[in-house]
Amino acid sequence: ASALAAALLRWGAGLGAEAAHVQVLDDDAPARALWARAGFTDHHRYRYWHRPPR
């Protein structure tokens, strides 16, 4: 997964991207750790409201 993340970041940079953003669920510790190792930090958090099914 780390190699794939690094490849995606290189690909974006090669296309001229100057920034990258990822969205990860707060309780997904493995994903959060993966992106932290790639240098990402928390920027902000989302909270979703939904109506339960009837």
C-alpha atoms as a PDB file:
ATOM      1  CA  ALA A   1       0.000   0.000   0.000  1.00  0.00           C
ATOM      2  CA  SER A   2       2.864   2.392   0.782  1.00  0.00           C
ATOM      3  CA  ALA A   3       4.395   1.811  -2.650  1.00  0.00           C
ATOM      4  CA  LEU A   4       1.042   2.481  -4.305  1.00  0.00           C
ATOM      5  CA  ALA A   5       0.560   5.694  -2.307  1.00  0.00           C
ATOM      6  CA  ALA A   6       4.060   6.857  -3.270  1.00  0.00           C
ATOM      7  CA  ALA A   7       3.417   6.024  -6.930  1.00  0.00           C
ATOM      8  CA  LEU A   8       0.168   8.007  -6.900  1.00  0.00           C
ATOM      9  CA  LEU A   9       1.912  11.021  -5.390  1.00  0.00           C
ATOM     10  CA  ARG A  10       4.716  10.827  -7.982  1.00  0.00           C
ATOM     11  CA  TRP A  11       2.162  10.500 -10.781  1.00  0.00           C
ATOM     12  CA  GLY A  12       0.305  13.586  -9.594  1.00  0.00           C
ATOM     13  CA  ALA A  13       3.526  15.562  -9.216  1.00  0.00           C
ATOM     14  CA  GLY A  14       4.533  14.511 -12.716  1.00  0.00           C
ATOM     15  CA  LEU A  15       1.291  15.999 -13.992  1.00  0.00           C
ATOM     16  CA  GLY A  16       2.006  19.275 -12.231  1.00  0.00           C
ATOM     17  CA  ALA A  17       0.052  18.804  -9.005  1.00  0.00           C
ATOM     18  CA  GLU A  18       1.359  21.048  -6.251  1.00  0.00           C
ATOM     19  CA  ALA A  19      -0.792  19.560  -3.480  1.00  0.00           C
ATOM     20  CA  ALA A  20      -2.580  16.339  -2.662  1.00  0.00           C
ATOM     21  CA  HIS A  21      -5.524  15.680  -0.386  1.00  0.00           C
ATOM     22  CA  VAL A  22      -6.897  12.401   0.900  1.00  0.00           C
ATOM     23  CA  GLN A  23     -10.091  11.700   2.794  1.00  0.00           C
ATOM     24  CA  VAL A  24      -9.940   8.881   5.336  1.00  0.00           C
ATOM     25  CA  LEU A  25     -12.465   7.697   7.891  1.00  0.00           C
ATOM     26  CA  ASP A  26     -11.480   8.757  11.392  1.00  0.00           C
ATOM     27  CA  ASP A  27     -11.627   5.191  12.727  1.00  0.00           C
ATOM     28  CA  ASP A  28      -9.516   3.699   9.897  1.00  0.00           C
ATOM     29  CA  ALA A  29      -6.222   3.512  11.793  1.00  0.00           C
ATOM     30  CA  PRO A  30      -4.289   1.607   9.082  1.00  0.00           C
ATOM     31  CA  ALA A  31      -5.225   4.165   6.405  1.00  0.00           C
ATOM     32  CA  ARG A  32      -4.447   7.083   8.696  1.00  0.00           C
ATOM     33  CA  ALA A  33      -1.041   5.542   9.480  1.00  0.00           C
ATOM     34  CA  LEU A  34      -0.323   4.947   5.784  1.00  0.00           C
ATOM     35  CA  TRP A  35      -0.959   8.555   4.846  1.00  0.00           C
ATOM     36  CA  ALA A  36       0.860   9.862   7.929  1.00  0.00           C
ATOM     37  CA  ARG A  37       3.953   7.941   6.789  1.00  0.00           C
ATOM     38  CA  ALA A  38       3.581   9.677   3.407  1.00  0.00           C
ATOM     39  CA  GLY A  39       3.716  13.049   5.184  1.00  0.00           C
ATOM     40  CA  PHE A  40       0.009  13.884   5.403  1.00  0.00           C
ATOM     41  CA  THR A  41      -1.479  15.543   8.494  1.00  0.00           C
ATOM     42  CA  ASP A  42      -5.021  16.297   9.624  1.00  0.00           C
ATOM     43  CA  HIS A  43      -6.394  19.422   8.001  1.00  0.00           C
ATOM     44  CA  HIS A  44     -10.018  19.275   9.038  1.00  0.00           C
ATOM     45  CA  ARG A  45     -12.745  16.760   9.768  1.00  0.00           C
ATOM     46  CA  TYR A  46     -16.163  16.121   8.309  1.00  0.00           C
ATOM     47  CA  ARG A  47     -19.294  15.088  10.103  1.00  0.00           C
ATOM     48  CA  TYR A  48     -22.109  13.589   8.079  1.00  0.00           C
ATOM     49  CA  TRP A  49     -25.719  13.619   9.132  1.00  0.00           C
ATOM     50  CA  HIS A  50     -28.102  11.120   7.643  1.00  0.00           C
ATOM     51  CA  ARG A  51     -31.668  10.064   8.129  1.00  0.00           C
ATOM     52  CA  PRO A  52     -32.078   6.431   9.199  1.00  0.00           C
ATOM     53  CA  PRO A  53     -33.903   4.244   6.676  1.00  0.00           C
ATOM     54  CA  ARG A  54     -37.624   3.839   7.254  1.00  0.00           C
END
